[in-house]
Amino acid sequence: MRPRHRRHDDHDHLTWAAPTAAYARAIALAARLNHHLFDTLYHALALETPNAIFVTADRGYFDKSRHLGPIAWLPDFVAASGITIKKIAAYARSMRATATFNP
């Protein structure tokens, strides 16, 4: 993979190397927490991305990884944000309806 030549300013936070760092961190998290890679990939991305928070509905993963930061348990996030579960479910349904798979 070759990096794109991009202007480096305040809006250029992520580079082509960021996924590599996040992936390596996700693998380390999966091993350290004895958890599958699926959740640790999202959590690692949040750890590597400034001002990001990983919101999870998996209470088991939340309990064993909350000390690492930036993670929120979905019911707490919903309560704090004022967003309803009904709105989240409707959004998820709309995303599934519009998603396409191109192998």
PDB file of N, CA and C in Angstrom:
ATOM      1  N   MET A   1       0.846  -1.165   0.000  1.00  0.00           N
ATOM      2  CA  MET A   1       0.000   0.000   0.000  1.00  0.00           C
ATOM      3  C   MET A   1       0.893   1.229   0.000  1.00  0.00           C
ATOM      4  N   ARG A   2       0.561   2.186  -0.827  1.00  0.00           N
ATOM      5  CA  ARG A   2       1.333   3.414  -0.899  1.00  0.00           C
ATOM      6  C   ARG A   2       0.518   4.569  -0.346  1.00  0.00           C
ATOM      7  N   PRO A   3       1.145   5.450   0.424  1.00  0.00           N
ATOM      8  CA  PRO A   3       0.396   6.584   0.954  1.00  0.00           C
ATOM      9  C   PRO A   3       0.050   7.572  -0.149  1.00  0.00           C
ATOM     10  N   ARG A   4      -1.083   8.183  -0.002  1.00  0.00           N
ATOM     11  CA  ARG A   4      -1.449   9.257  -0.922  1.00  0.00           C
ATOM     12  C   ARG A   4      -0.737  10.525  -0.480  1.00  0.00           C
ATOM     13  N   HIS A   5      -0.393  11.338  -1.444  1.00  0.00           N
ATOM     14  CA  HIS A   5       0.201  12.624  -1.098  1.00  0.00           C
ATOM     15  C   HIS A   5      -0.929  13.549  -0.692  1.00  0.00           C
ATOM     16  N   ARG A   6      -0.906  13.939   0.581  1.00  0.00           N
ATOM     17  CA  ARG A   6      -1.989  14.753   1.105  1.00  0.00           C
ATOM     18  C   ARG A   6      -1.422  15.968   1.795  1.00  0.00           C
ATOM     19  N   ARG A   7      -2.200  17.008   1.803  1.00  0.00           N
ATOM     20  CA  ARG A   7      -1.824  18.223   2.504  1.00  0.00           C
ATOM     21  C   ARG A   7      -1.891  17.937   4.006  1.00  0.00           C
ATOM     22  N   HIS A   8      -0.893  18.315   4.749  1.00  0.00           N
ATOM     23  CA  HIS A   8      -0.873  18.085   6.185  1.00  0.00           C
ATOM     24  C   HIS A   8      -1.315  19.365   6.886  1.00  0.00           C
ATOM     25  N   ASP A   9      -2.524  19.333   7.392  1.00  0.00           N
ATOM     26  CA  ASP A   9      -3.034  20.466   8.160  1.00  0.00           C
ATOM     27  C   ASP A   9      -3.872  19.916   9.308  1.00  0.00           C
ATOM     28  N   ASP A  10      -4.601  20.773   9.989  1.00  0.00           N
ATOM     29  CA  ASP A  10      -5.386  20.346  11.145  1.00  0.00           C
ATOM     30  C   ASP A  10      -6.482  19.349  10.793  1.00  0.00           C
ATOM     31  N   HIS A  11      -6.886  19.272   9.539  1.00  0.00           N
ATOM     32  CA  HIS A  11      -7.965  18.380   9.140  1.00  0.00           C
ATOM     33  C   HIS A  11      -7.457  17.020   8.680  1.00  0.00           C
ATOM     34  N   ASP A  12      -6.162  16.828   8.663  1.00  0.00           N
ATOM     35  CA  ASP A  12      -5.584  15.581   8.184  1.00  0.00           C
ATOM     36  C   ASP A  12      -5.087  14.766   9.378  1.00  0.00           C
ATOM     37  N   HIS A  13      -6.024  14.178  10.143  1.00  0.00           N
ATOM     38  CA  HIS A  13      -5.655  13.437  11.344  1.00  0.00           C
ATOM     39  C   HIS A  13      -5.309  11.987  11.056  1.00  0.00           C
ATOM     40  N   LEU A  14      -5.982  11.385  10.093  1.00  0.00           N
ATOM     41  CA  LEU A  14      -5.762   9.968   9.825  1.00  0.00           C
ATOM     42  C   LEU A  14      -4.929   9.798   8.568  1.00  0.00           C
ATOM     43  N   THR A  15      -4.012   8.873   8.599  1.00  0.00           N
ATOM     44  CA  THR A  15      -3.177   8.597   7.441  1.00  0.00           C
ATOM     45  C   THR A  15      -3.338   7.135   7.057  1.00  0.00           C
ATOM     46  N   TRP A  16      -2.706   6.733   5.994  1.00  0.00           N
ATOM     47  CA  TRP A  16      -2.822   5.345   5.541  1.00  0.00           C
ATOM     48  C   TRP A  16      -2.249   4.366   6.556  1.00  0.00           C
ATOM     49  N   ALA A  17      -1.403   4.814   7.457  1.00  0.00           N
ATOM     50  CA  ALA A  17      -0.802   3.922   8.446  1.00  0.00           C
ATOM     51  C   ALA A  17      -1.720   3.668   9.642  1.00  0.00           C
ATOM     52  N   ALA A  18      -2.738   4.491   9.835  1.00  0.00           N
ATOM     53  CA  ALA A  18      -3.619   4.354  10.992  1.00  0.00           C
ATOM     54  C   ALA A  18      -4.281   2.983  11.081  1.00  0.00           C
ATOM     55  N   PRO A  19      -4.801   2.407  10.000  1.00  0.00           N
ATOM     56  CA  PRO A  19      -5.411   1.075  10.137  1.00  0.00           C
ATOM     57  C   PRO A  19      -4.425   0.017  10.613  1.00  0.00           C
ATOM     58  N   THR A  20      -3.175   0.119  10.236  1.00  0.00           N
ATOM     59  CA  THR A  20      -2.179  -0.844  10.672  1.00  0.00           C
ATOM     60  C   THR A  20      -1.972  -0.768  12.176  1.00  0.00           C
ATOM     61  N   ALA A  21      -1.882   0.432  12.713  1.00  0.00           N
ATOM     62  CA  ALA A  21      -1.714   0.610  14.156  1.00  0.00           C
ATOM     63  C   ALA A  21      -2.953   0.116  14.894  1.00  0.00           C
ATOM     64  N   ALA A  22      -4.125   0.427  14.384  1.00  0.00           N
ATOM     65  CA  ALA A  22      -5.368  -0.010  15.026  1.00  0.00           C
ATOM     66  C   ALA A  22      -5.488  -1.534  14.981  1.00  0.00           C
ATOM     67  N   TYR A  23      -5.123  -2.135  13.868  1.00  0.00           N
ATOM     68  CA  TYR A  23      -5.222  -3.592  13.741  1.00  0.00           C
ATOM     69  C   TYR A  23      -4.270  -4.285  14.717  1.00  0.00           C
ATOM     70  N   ALA A  24      -3.055  -3.792  14.808  1.00  0.00           N
ATOM     71  CA  ALA A  24      -2.086  -4.366  15.748  1.00  0.00           C
ATOM     72  C   ALA A  24      -2.588  -4.217  17.181  1.00  0.00           C
ATOM     73  N   ARG A  25      -3.166  -3.083  17.491  1.00  0.00           N
ATOM     74  CA  ARG A  25      -3.694  -2.860  18.834  1.00  0.00           C
ATOM     75  C   ARG A  25      -4.879  -3.785  19.106  1.00  0.00           C
ATOM     76  N   ALA A  26      -5.729  -4.005  18.099  1.00  0.00           N
ATOM     77  CA  ALA A  26      -6.889  -4.889  18.247  1.00  0.00           C
ATOM     78  C   ALA A  26      -6.461  -6.318  18.540  1.00  0.00           C
ATOM     79  N   ILE A  27      -5.419  -6.772  17.857  1.00  0.00           N
ATOM     80  CA  ILE A  27      -4.910  -8.127  18.097  1.00  0.00           C
ATOM     81  C   ILE A  27      -4.377  -8.244  19.527  1.00  0.00           C
ATOM     82  N   ALA A  28      -3.649  -7.234  19.967  1.00  0.00           N
ATOM     83  CA  ALA A  28      -3.119  -7.234  21.335  1.00  0.00           C
ATOM     84  C   ALA A  28      -4.258  -7.213  22.358  1.00  0.00           C
ATOM     85  N   LEU A  29      -5.289  -6.418  22.097  1.00  0.00           N
ATOM     86  CA  LEU A  29      -6.441  -6.364  22.997  1.00  0.00           C
ATOM     87  C   LEU A  29      -7.147  -7.709  23.066  1.00  0.00           C
ATOM     88  N   ALA A  30      -7.340  -8.337  21.913  1.00  0.00           N
ATOM     89  CA  ALA A  30      -8.022  -9.634  21.867  1.00  0.00           C
ATOM     90  C   ALA A  30      -7.272 -10.663  22.710  1.00  0.00           C
ATOM     91  N   ALA A  31      -5.956 -10.672  22.606  1.00  0.00           N
ATOM     92  CA  ALA A  31      -5.155 -11.620  23.382  1.00  0.00           C
ATOM     93  C   ALA A  31      -5.173 -11.270  24.867  1.00  0.00           C
ATOM     94  N   ARG A  32      -5.004  -9.998  25.174  1.00  0.00           N
ATOM     95  CA  ARG A  32      -4.941  -9.553  26.572  1.00  0.00           C
ATOM     96  C   ARG A  32      -6.263  -9.764  27.301  1.00  0.00           C
ATOM     97  N   LEU A  33      -7.377  -9.504  26.602  1.00  0.00           N
ATOM     98  CA  LEU A  33      -8.691  -9.588  27.229  1.00  0.00           C
ATOM     99  C   LEU A  33      -9.376 -10.934  27.015  1.00  0.00           C
ATOM    100  N   ASN A  34      -8.732 -11.811  26.234  1.00  0.00           N
ATOM    101  CA  ASN A  34      -9.327 -13.097  25.888  1.00  0.00           C
ATOM    102  C   ASN A  34     -10.721 -12.888  25.287  1.00  0.00           C
ATOM    103  N   HIS A  35     -10.757 -12.074  24.245  1.00  0.00           N
ATOM    104  CA  HIS A  35     -12.016 -11.709  23.598  1.00  0.00           C
ATOM    105  C   HIS A  35     -11.825 -11.789  22.088  1.00  0.00           C
ATOM    106  N   HIS A  36     -12.928 -12.002  21.371  1.00  0.00           N
ATOM    107  CA  HIS A  36     -12.816 -12.114  19.916  1.00  0.00           C
ATOM    108  C   HIS A  36     -12.435 -10.775  19.287  1.00  0.00           C
ATOM    109  N   LEU A  37     -11.866 -10.842  18.129  1.00  0.00           N
ATOM    110  CA  LEU A  37     -11.319  -9.682  17.438  1.00  0.00           C
ATOM    111  C   LEU A  37     -12.378  -8.670  17.013  1.00  0.00           C
ATOM    112  N   PHE A  38     -13.612  -9.124  16.828  1.00  0.00           N
ATOM    113  CA  PHE A  38     -14.659  -8.238  16.322  1.00  0.00           C
ATOM    114  C   PHE A  38     -14.801  -6.969  17.160  1.00  0.00           C
ATOM    115  N   ASP A  39     -15.029  -7.112  18.464  1.00  0.00           N
ATOM    116  CA  ASP A  39     -15.173  -5.930  19.317  1.00  0.00           C
ATOM    117  C   ASP A  39     -13.862  -5.193  19.494  1.00  0.00           C
ATOM    118  N   THR A  40     -12.756  -5.941  19.572  1.00  0.00           N
ATOM    119  CA  THR A  40     -11.487  -5.262  19.815  1.00  0.00           C
ATOM    120  C   THR A  40     -11.056  -4.411  18.622  1.00  0.00           C
ATOM    121  N   LEU A  41     -11.487  -4.768  17.417  1.00  0.00           N
ATOM    122  CA  LEU A  41     -11.177  -3.920  16.249  1.00  0.00           C
ATOM    123  C   LEU A  41     -11.817  -2.546  16.395  1.00  0.00           C
ATOM    124  N   TYR A  42     -13.086  -2.536  16.756  1.00  0.00           N
ATOM    125  CA  TYR A  42     -13.777  -1.252  16.932  1.00  0.00           C
ATOM    126  C   TYR A  42     -13.196  -0.467  18.099  1.00  0.00           C
ATOM    127  N   HIS A  43     -12.894  -1.159  19.173  1.00  0.00           N
ATOM    128  CA  HIS A  43     -12.329  -0.478  20.337  1.00  0.00           C
ATOM    129  C   HIS A  43     -10.948   0.090  20.015  1.00  0.00           C
ATOM    130  N   ALA A  44     -10.127  -0.682  19.313  1.00  0.00           N
ATOM    131  CA  ALA A  44      -8.800  -0.199  18.936  1.00  0.00           C
ATOM    132  C   ALA A  44      -8.890   1.034  18.051  1.00  0.00           C
ATOM    133  N   LEU A  45      -9.852   1.047  17.151  1.00  0.00           N
ATOM    134  CA  LEU A  45     -10.054   2.232  16.314  1.00  0.00           C
ATOM    135  C   LEU A  45     -10.376   3.448  17.167  1.00  0.00           C
ATOM    136  N   ALA A  46     -11.226   3.270  18.167  1.00  0.00           N
ATOM    137  CA  ALA A  46     -11.551   4.379  19.068  1.00  0.00           C
ATOM    138  C   ALA A  46     -10.325   4.816  19.857  1.00  0.00           C
ATOM    139  N   LEU A  47      -9.502   3.857  20.270  1.00  0.00           N
ATOM    140  CA  LEU A  47      -8.288   4.197  21.007  1.00  0.00           C
ATOM    141  C   LEU A  47      -7.284   4.952  20.145  1.00  0.00           C
ATOM    142  N   GLU A  48      -7.258   4.660  18.859  1.00  0.00           N
ATOM    143  CA  GLU A  48      -6.304   5.284  17.943  1.00  0.00           C
ATOM    144  C   GLU A  48      -6.810   6.585  17.323  1.00  0.00           C
ATOM    145  N   THR A  49      -8.107   6.882  17.467  1.00  0.00           N
ATOM    146  CA  THR A  49      -8.706   8.047  16.827  1.00  0.00           C
ATOM    147  C   THR A  49      -9.023   9.111  17.873  1.00  0.00           C
ATOM    148  N   PRO A  50      -8.468  10.307  17.727  1.00  0.00           N
ATOM    149  CA  PRO A  50      -8.729  11.366  18.705  1.00  0.00           C
ATOM    150  C   PRO A  50     -10.225  11.654  18.843  1.00  0.00           C
ATOM    151  N   ASN A  51     -10.684  11.803  20.070  1.00  0.00           N
ATOM    152  CA  ASN A  51     -12.064  12.169  20.418  1.00  0.00           C
ATOM    153  C   ASN A  51     -13.102  11.117  20.050  1.00  0.00           C
ATOM    154  N   ALA A  52     -12.694   9.897  19.758  1.00  0.00           N
ATOM    155  CA  ALA A  52     -13.646   8.832  19.407  1.00  0.00           C
ATOM    156  C   ALA A  52     -14.028   8.048  20.651  1.00  0.00           C
ATOM    157  N   ILE A  53     -15.238   7.493  20.633  1.00  0.00           N
ATOM    158  CA  ILE A  53     -15.724   6.627  21.704  1.00  0.00           C
ATOM    159  C   ILE A  53     -16.338   5.401  21.058  1.00  0.00           C
ATOM    160  N   PHE A  54     -15.967   4.235  21.541  1.00  0.00           N
ATOM    161  CA  PHE A  54     -16.568   2.990  21.087  1.00  0.00           C
ATOM    162  C   PHE A  54     -17.785   2.725  21.965  1.00  0.00           C
ATOM    163  N   VAL A  55     -18.958   2.648  21.355  1.00  0.00           N
ATOM    164  CA  VAL A  55     -20.201   2.360  22.073  1.00  0.00           C
ATOM    165  C   VAL A  55     -20.549   0.905  21.805  1.00  0.00           C
ATOM    166  N   THR A  56     -20.695   0.126  22.885  1.00  0.00           N
ATOM    167  CA  THR A  56     -20.955  -1.296  22.733  1.00  0.00           C
ATOM    168  C   THR A  56     -22.193  -1.717  23.514  1.00  0.00           C
ATOM    169  N   ALA A  57     -22.872  -2.722  22.999  1.00  0.00           N
ATOM    170  CA  ALA A  57     -24.003  -3.333  23.696  1.00  0.00           C
ATOM    171  C   ALA A  57     -23.573  -4.628  24.382  1.00  0.00           C
ATOM    172  N   ASP A  58     -22.318  -4.991  24.246  1.00  0.00           N
ATOM    173  CA  ASP A  58     -21.776  -6.209  24.837  1.00  0.00           C
ATOM    174  C   ASP A  58     -21.284  -5.903  26.250  1.00  0.00           C
ATOM    175  N   ARG A  59     -22.122  -6.201  27.243  1.00  0.00           N
ATOM    176  CA  ARG A  59     -21.797  -5.855  28.625  1.00  0.00           C
ATOM    177  C   ARG A  59     -20.541  -6.577  29.106  1.00  0.00           C
ATOM    178  N   GLY A  60     -20.360  -7.812  28.680  1.00  0.00           N
ATOM    179  CA  GLY A  60     -19.168  -8.563  29.084  1.00  0.00           C
ATOM    180  C   GLY A  60     -17.892  -7.887  28.608  1.00  0.00           C
ATOM    181  N   TYR A  61     -17.884  -7.472  27.341  1.00  0.00           N
ATOM    182  CA  TYR A  61     -16.695  -6.798  26.814  1.00  0.00           C
ATOM    183  C   TYR A  61     -16.503  -5.447  27.514  1.00  0.00           C
ATOM    184  N   PHE A  62     -17.590  -4.730  27.709  1.00  0.00           N
ATOM    185  CA  PHE A  62     -17.508  -3.428  28.369  1.00  0.00           C
ATOM    186  C   PHE A  62     -16.878  -3.577  29.762  1.00  0.00           C
ATOM    187  N   ASP A  63     -17.359  -4.551  30.531  1.00  0.00           N
ATOM    188  CA  ASP A  63     -16.856  -4.722  31.897  1.00  0.00           C
ATOM    189  C   ASP A  63     -15.360  -5.049  31.941  1.00  0.00           C
ATOM    190  N   LYS A  64     -14.886  -5.861  31.000  1.00  0.00           N
ATOM    191  CA  LYS A  64     -13.472  -6.234  31.065  1.00  0.00           C
ATOM    192  C   LYS A  64     -12.540  -5.256  30.348  1.00  0.00           C
ATOM    193  N   SER A  65     -13.083  -4.287  29.631  1.00  0.00           N
ATOM    194  CA  SER A  65     -12.203  -3.362  28.898  1.00  0.00           C
ATOM    195  C   SER A  65     -12.402  -1.891  29.251  1.00  0.00           C
ATOM    196  N   ARG A  66     -13.345  -1.593  30.102  1.00  0.00           N
ATOM    197  CA  ARG A  66     -13.653  -0.185  30.405  1.00  0.00           C
ATOM    198  C   ARG A  66     -12.461   0.577  30.973  1.00  0.00           C
ATOM    199  N   HIS A  67     -11.568  -0.110  31.661  1.00  0.00           N
ATOM    200  CA  HIS A  67     -10.394   0.554  32.239  1.00  0.00           C
ATOM    201  C   HIS A  67      -9.437   1.080  31.167  1.00  0.00           C
ATOM    202  N   LEU A  68      -9.578   0.601  29.947  1.00  0.00           N
ATOM    203  CA  LEU A  68      -8.701   1.029  28.858  1.00  0.00           C
ATOM    204  C   LEU A  68      -9.143   2.347  28.231  1.00  0.00           C
ATOM    205  N   GLY A  69     -10.445   2.732  28.427  1.00  0.00           N
ATOM    206  CA  GLY A  69     -10.990   3.936  27.821  1.00  0.00           C
ATOM    207  C   GLY A  69     -11.150   3.746  26.343  1.00  0.00           C
ATOM    208  N   PRO A  70     -11.448   4.643  25.532  1.00  0.00           N
ATOM    209  CA  PRO A  70     -12.704   5.388  25.492  1.00  0.00           C
ATOM    210  C   PRO A  70     -13.837   4.471  25.027  1.00  0.00           C
ATOM    211  N   ILE A  71     -14.612   3.986  25.964  1.00  0.00           N
ATOM    212  CA  ILE A  71     -15.687   3.037  25.677  1.00  0.00           C
ATOM    213  C   ILE A  71     -16.910   3.412  26.499  1.00  0.00           C
ATOM    214  N   ALA A  72     -18.072   3.202  25.926  1.00  0.00           N
ATOM    215  CA  ALA A  72     -19.328   3.461  26.627  1.00  0.00           C
ATOM    216  C   ALA A  72     -20.258   2.276  26.409  1.00  0.00           C
ATOM    217  N   TRP A  73     -21.009   1.941  27.450  1.00  0.00           N
ATOM    218  CA  TRP A  73     -22.013   0.895  27.332  1.00  0.00           C
ATOM    219  C   TRP A  73     -23.260   1.527  26.746  1.00  0.00           C
ATOM    220  N   LEU A  74     -23.855   0.895  25.754  1.00  0.00           N
ATOM    221  CA  LEU A  74     -24.960   1.482  24.994  1.00  0.00           C
ATOM    222  C   LEU A  74     -26.069   2.058  25.867  1.00  0.00           C
ATOM    223  N   PRO A  75     -26.609   1.344  26.857  1.00  0.00           N
ATOM    224  CA  PRO A  75     -27.677   1.950  27.661  1.00  0.00           C
ATOM    225  C   PRO A  75     -27.248   3.233  28.383  1.00  0.00           C
ATOM    226  N   ASP A  76     -26.012   3.282  28.876  1.00  0.00           N
ATOM    227  CA  ASP A  76     -25.528   4.510  29.509  1.00  0.00           C
ATOM    228  C   ASP A  76     -25.367   5.626  28.490  1.00  0.00           C
ATOM    229  N   PHE A  77     -24.867   5.285  27.315  1.00  0.00           N
ATOM    230  CA  PHE A  77     -24.682   6.274  26.250  1.00  0.00           C
ATOM    231  C   PHE A  77     -26.027   6.846  25.817  1.00  0.00           C
ATOM    232  N   VAL A  78     -27.011   5.965  25.664  1.00  0.00           N
ATOM    233  CA  VAL A  78     -28.353   6.389  25.259  1.00  0.00           C
ATOM    234  C   VAL A  78     -28.942   7.325  26.309  1.00  0.00           C
ATOM    235  N   ALA A  79     -28.823   6.952  27.579  1.00  0.00           N
ATOM    236  CA  ALA A  79     -29.374   7.774  28.652  1.00  0.00           C
ATOM    237  C   ALA A  79     -28.713   9.150  28.699  1.00  0.00           C
ATOM    238  N   ALA A  80     -27.415   9.193  28.511  1.00  0.00           N
ATOM    239  CA  ALA A  80     -26.682  10.463  28.572  1.00  0.00           C
ATOM    240  C   ALA A  80     -26.936  11.338  27.352  1.00  0.00           C
ATOM    241  N   SER A  81     -27.160  10.721  26.195  1.00  0.00           N
ATOM    242  CA  SER A  81     -27.296  11.492  24.961  1.00  0.00           C
ATOM    243  C   SER A  81     -28.730  11.904  24.657  1.00  0.00           C
ATOM    244  N   GLY A  82     -29.695  11.220  25.264  1.00  0.00           N
ATOM    245  CA  GLY A  82     -31.091  11.523  24.974  1.00  0.00           C
ATOM    246  C   GLY A  82     -31.610  10.819  23.728  1.00  0.00           C
ATOM    247  N   ILE A  83     -30.762  10.036  23.089  1.00  0.00           N
ATOM    248  CA  ILE A  83     -31.186   9.269  21.919  1.00  0.00           C
ATOM    249  C   ILE A  83     -31.954   8.060  22.422  1.00  0.00           C
ATOM    250  N   THR A  84     -33.032   7.699  21.761  1.00  0.00           N
ATOM    251  CA  THR A  84     -33.804   6.541  22.204  1.00  0.00           C
ATOM    252  C   THR A  84     -33.339   5.283  21.485  1.00  0.00           C
ATOM    253  N   ILE A  85     -33.538   4.151  22.140  1.00  0.00           N
ATOM    254  CA  ILE A  85     -33.222   2.861  21.524  1.00  0.00           C
ATOM    255  C   ILE A  85     -34.036   2.694  20.247  1.00  0.00           C
ATOM    256  N   LYS A  86     -35.258   3.184  20.248  1.00  0.00           N
ATOM    257  CA  LYS A  86     -36.119   3.090  19.071  1.00  0.00           C
ATOM    258  C   LYS A  86     -35.482   3.800  17.872  1.00  0.00           C
ATOM    259  N   LYS A  87     -34.885   4.967  18.100  1.00  0.00           N
ATOM    260  CA  LYS A  87     -34.223   5.700  17.015  1.00  0.00           C
ATOM    261  C   LYS A  87     -32.978   4.964  16.531  1.00  0.00           C
ATOM    262  N   ILE A  88     -32.231   4.382  17.460  1.00  0.00           N
ATOM    263  CA  ILE A  88     -31.036   3.620  17.082  1.00  0.00           C
ATOM    264  C   ILE A  88     -31.435   2.409  16.250  1.00  0.00           C
ATOM    265  N   ALA A  89     -32.487   1.699  16.670  1.00  0.00           N
ATOM    266  CA  ALA A  89     -32.955   0.521  15.936  1.00  0.00           C
ATOM    267  C   ALA A  89     -33.437   0.914  14.544  1.00  0.00           C
ATOM    268  N   ALA A  90     -34.148   2.025  14.430  1.00  0.00           N
ATOM    269  CA  ALA A  90     -34.626   2.485  13.122  1.00  0.00           C
ATOM    270  C   ALA A  90     -33.457   2.834  12.216  1.00  0.00           C
ATOM    271  N   TYR A  91     -32.441   3.474  12.774  1.00  0.00           N
ATOM    272  CA  TYR A  91     -31.248   3.810  11.998  1.00  0.00           C
ATOM    273  C   TYR A  91     -30.539   2.547  11.519  1.00  0.00           C
ATOM    274  N   ALA A  92     -30.403   1.569  12.415  1.00  0.00           N
ATOM    275  CA  ALA A  92     -29.739   0.308  12.049  1.00  0.00           C
ATOM    276  C   ALA A  92     -30.513  -0.396  10.942  1.00  0.00           C
ATOM    277  N   ARG A  93     -31.846  -0.410  11.033  1.00  0.00           N
ATOM    278  CA  ARG A  93     -32.659  -1.030   9.975  1.00  0.00           C
ATOM    279  C   ARG A  93     -32.470  -0.305   8.657  1.00  0.00           C
ATOM    280  N   SER A  94     -32.416   1.013   8.689  1.00  0.00           N
ATOM    281  CA  SER A  94     -32.243   1.771   7.442  1.00  0.00           C
ATOM    282  C   SER A  94     -30.874   1.520   6.834  1.00  0.00           C
ATOM    283  N   MET A  95     -29.853   1.342   7.664  1.00  0.00           N
ATOM    284  CA  MET A  95     -28.515   1.058   7.158  1.00  0.00           C
ATOM    285  C   MET A  95     -28.459  -0.323   6.519  1.00  0.00           C
ATOM    286  N   ARG A  96     -29.118  -1.309   7.129  1.00  0.00           N
ATOM    287  CA  ARG A  96     -29.154  -2.650   6.544  1.00  0.00           C
ATOM    288  C   ARG A  96     -29.909  -2.636   5.221  1.00  0.00           C
ATOM    289  N   ALA A  97     -30.941  -1.839   5.145  1.00  0.00           N
ATOM    290  CA  ALA A  97     -31.751  -1.790   3.925  1.00  0.00           C
ATOM    291  C   ALA A  97     -30.997  -1.163   2.770  1.00  0.00           C
ATOM    292  N   THR A  98     -30.061  -0.262   3.069  1.00  0.00           N
ATOM    293  CA  THR A  98     -29.343   0.430   2.009  1.00  0.00           C
ATOM    294  C   THR A  98     -27.954  -0.163   1.751  1.00  0.00           C
ATOM    295  N   ALA A  99     -27.530  -1.086   2.603  1.00  0.00           N
ATOM    296  CA  ALA A  99     -26.188  -1.672   2.451  1.00  0.00           C
ATOM    297  C   ALA A  99     -26.166  -2.621   1.243  1.00  0.00           C
ATOM    298  N   THR A 100     -25.058  -2.597   0.536  1.00  0.00           N
ATOM    299  CA  THR A 100     -24.873  -3.518  -0.584  1.00  0.00           C
ATOM    300  C   THR A 100     -23.579  -4.285  -0.382  1.00  0.00           C
ATOM    301  N   PHE A 101     -23.526  -5.455  -0.923  1.00  0.00           N
ATOM    302  CA  PHE A 101     -22.328  -6.285  -0.820  1.00  0.00           C
ATOM    303  C   PHE A 101     -21.760  -6.464  -2.207  1.00  0.00           C
ATOM    304  N   ASN A 102     -20.521  -6.055  -2.389  1.00  0.00           N
ATOM    305  CA  ASN A 102     -19.840  -6.184  -3.686  1.00  0.00           C
ATOM    306  C   ASN A 102     -18.577  -7.003  -3.503  1.00  0.00           C
ATOM    307  N   PRO A 103     -18.679  -8.321  -3.709  1.00  0.00           N
ATOM    308  CA  PRO A 103     -17.478  -9.160  -3.516  1.00  0.00           C
ATOM    309  C   PRO A 103     -16.402  -8.857  -4.544  1.00  0.00           C
TER     310      PRO A 103
END
